Protein backbone atom coordinates (compact mmCIF):
# COMPACT_ATOMS: atom_id res chain seq x y z
CA MET A 1 0.00 0.00 0.00
CA LYS A 2 2.84 2.36 0.89
CA ASN A 3 4.52 1.63 -2.48
CA ILE A 4 1.32 2.46 -4.34
CA LYS A 5 1.02 5.79 -2.53
CA LEU A 6 4.64 6.64 -3.33
CA TYR A 7 4.12 5.65 -6.97
CA VAL A 8 0.99 7.80 -7.28
CA LEU A 9 2.68 10.71 -5.50
CA GLY A 10 5.73 10.41 -7.77
CA THR A 11 3.55 10.31 -10.88
CA VAL A 12 1.62 13.38 -9.76
CA LEU A 13 4.82 15.30 -9.00
CA VAL A 14 6.42 14.42 -12.33
CA SER A 15 3.23 15.42 -14.16
CA ALA A 16 2.97 18.68 -12.27
CA LEU A 17 6.59 19.55 -12.96
CA SER A 18 6.41 18.74 -16.67
CA VAL A 19 3.39 20.96 -17.41
CA PRO A 20 5.25 24.28 -17.01
CA VAL A 21 8.10 22.97 -19.18
CA SER A 22 5.78 21.93 -22.00
CA VAL A 23 3.85 25.21 -21.81
CA ARG A 24 7.13 27.14 -21.92
CA ALA A 25 8.29 25.13 -24.95
CA GLU A 26 5.03 25.89 -26.75
CA ASN A 27 5.34 29.61 -25.97
CA VAL A 28 8.94 29.67 -27.18
CA ALA A 29 7.95 27.87 -30.39
CA ASP A 30 5.11 30.35 -30.94
CA ASN A 31 7.48 33.28 -30.38
CA ALA A 32 10.00 31.83 -32.83
CA ALA A 33 7.27 31.35 -35.42
CA ASN A 34 6.07 34.92 -34.92
CA ASP A 35 9.62 36.26 -35.28
CA ALA A 36 10.07 34.30 -38.50
CA MET A 37 6.84 35.71 -39.91
CA LYS A 38 7.97 39.30 -39.31
CA ARG A 39 9.30 40.41 -42.65
CA PRO A 40 8.80 43.43 -44.86
CA PRO A 41 5.58 43.71 -46.87
CA ALA A 42 5.57 42.22 -50.37
CA GLY A 43 5.82 45.62 -52.08
CA GLU A 44 8.91 46.52 -50.08
CA ARG A 45 10.54 43.16 -50.84
CA MET A 46 9.74 43.59 -54.55
CA ILE A 47 11.32 47.05 -54.60
CA GLU A 48 14.44 45.66 -52.90
CA ALA A 49 14.70 42.86 -55.47
CA LEU A 50 14.04 44.91 -58.61
CA ASP A 51 15.36 48.41 -57.84
CA THR A 52 18.86 48.00 -59.26
CA ASP A 53 19.68 51.73 -59.24
CA LYS A 54 18.42 52.11 -55.64
CA SER A 55 16.14 55.01 -56.54
CA GLY A 56 13.33 53.75 -54.32
CA ASP A 57 11.07 52.75 -57.18
CA VAL A 58 11.10 50.28 -60.07
CA SER A 59 11.33 51.50 -63.64
CA LEU A 60 9.92 49.60 -66.60
CA GLU A 61 13.48 48.79 -67.64
CA GLU A 62 14.31 47.33 -64.22
CA PHE A 63 11.09 45.31 -64.23
CA GLN A 64 11.67 44.01 -67.75
CA ALA A 65 15.32 43.19 -67.04
CA LYS A 66 14.37 40.97 -64.12
CA HIS A 67 11.71 39.19 -66.13
CA ALA A 68 14.07 38.80 -69.09
CA GLU A 69 16.46 36.98 -66.72
CA GLN A 70 13.63 34.71 -65.58
CA PHE A 71 12.62 34.04 -69.19
CA LYS A 72 16.18 33.05 -70.08
CA THR A 73 16.34 30.74 -67.07
CA MET A 74 13.08 29.06 -68.05
CA ASP A 75 13.99 28.75 -71.77
CA ALA A 76 15.87 25.45 -71.40
CA ASN A 77 16.71 25.03 -75.10
CA ASN A 78 17.51 28.74 -75.66
CA ASP A 79 15.20 29.06 -78.65
CA GLY A 80 13.64 32.31 -77.45
CA LYS A 81 10.28 30.64 -76.76
CA LEU A 82 8.70 28.98 -73.75
CA THR A 83 6.88 25.68 -74.22
CA LYS A 84 4.37 24.13 -71.85
CA ASP A 85 7.06 21.67 -70.78
CA GLU A 86 9.59 24.43 -70.03
CA ILE A 87 7.02 26.41 -68.05
CA GLY A 88 5.94 23.27 -66.19
CA LYS A 89 9.54 22.35 -65.33
CA ALA A 90 10.27 25.90 -64.15
CA HIS A 91 7.16 25.80 -61.99
CA GLU A 92 8.19 22.47 -60.45
CA GLN A 93 11.70 23.80 -59.79
CA ARG A 94 10.27 26.88 -58.04
CA LYS A 95 7.98 24.66 -55.97
CA ALA A 96 10.92 22.45 -54.96
CA LYS A 97 13.02 25.48 -53.98
CA MET A 98 10.15 26.94 -51.97
CA LYS A 99 9.57 23.61 -50.22
CA GLU A 100 13.27 23.41 -49.34
CA ARG A 101 13.29 27.00 -48.02
CA MET A 102 10.21 26.26 -45.91
CA HIS A 103 11.85 23.12 -44.54
CA GLU A 104 15.03 25.06 -43.69
CA LYS A 105 13.02 27.83 -42.01
CA ARG A 106 11.05 25.26 -40.01
CA GLU A 107 14.31 23.63 -38.85
CA GLN A 108 15.74 27.02 -37.87
CA MET A 109 12.61 27.78 -35.86
CA LYS A 110 12.82 24.40 -34.11
CA GLU A 111 16.49 24.99 -33.25
CA LYS A 112 15.76 28.47 -31.95
CA ALA A 113 12.84 27.19 -29.86
CA ALA A 114 14.97 24.38 -28.44
CA LYS A 115 17.73 26.82 -27.48
CA GLU A 116 15.28 29.19 -25.82
CA ALA A 117 13.48 26.36 -24.02
CA ALA A 118 16.67 24.79 -22.67
CA PRO A 119 17.39 25.86 -19.10
CA ALA A 120 20.32 28.22 -18.82
CA GLU A 121 23.42 26.61 -17.39
CA GLU A 122 24.08 27.74 -13.88
CA ALA A 123 27.26 29.71 -13.42
CA PRO A 124 29.59 28.35 -10.75
CA LYS A 125 29.24 30.21 -7.49
CA ALA A 126 32.31 32.01 -6.16
CA GLU A 127 33.12 31.05 -2.63
């Protein structure tokens, strides 16, 4: 009977102690996800990517130059035309790159959450 009481008491204590840790880990993961989602608006990112002369806006020439680069990348046989196959392959490549970036970002968020959730090492006390 005494062993059962000790077992139940131990189980309750372990459960009670693990709840704050799991809640903290969830909060840290949420904070990491929120930090990762904080990025400039799409318009600002587009300006940064296309504004080659750093004037703060995108000219027709800058816009066309970027899209000409994309066209050349997609035109696998360099015939100056895009076929359904070339467009489809380019789309699949973009999807694969995006999937990889999302996977990398997810891993970074997990690592950051794990670091923040880990208890800080205690510094040795000076005597």
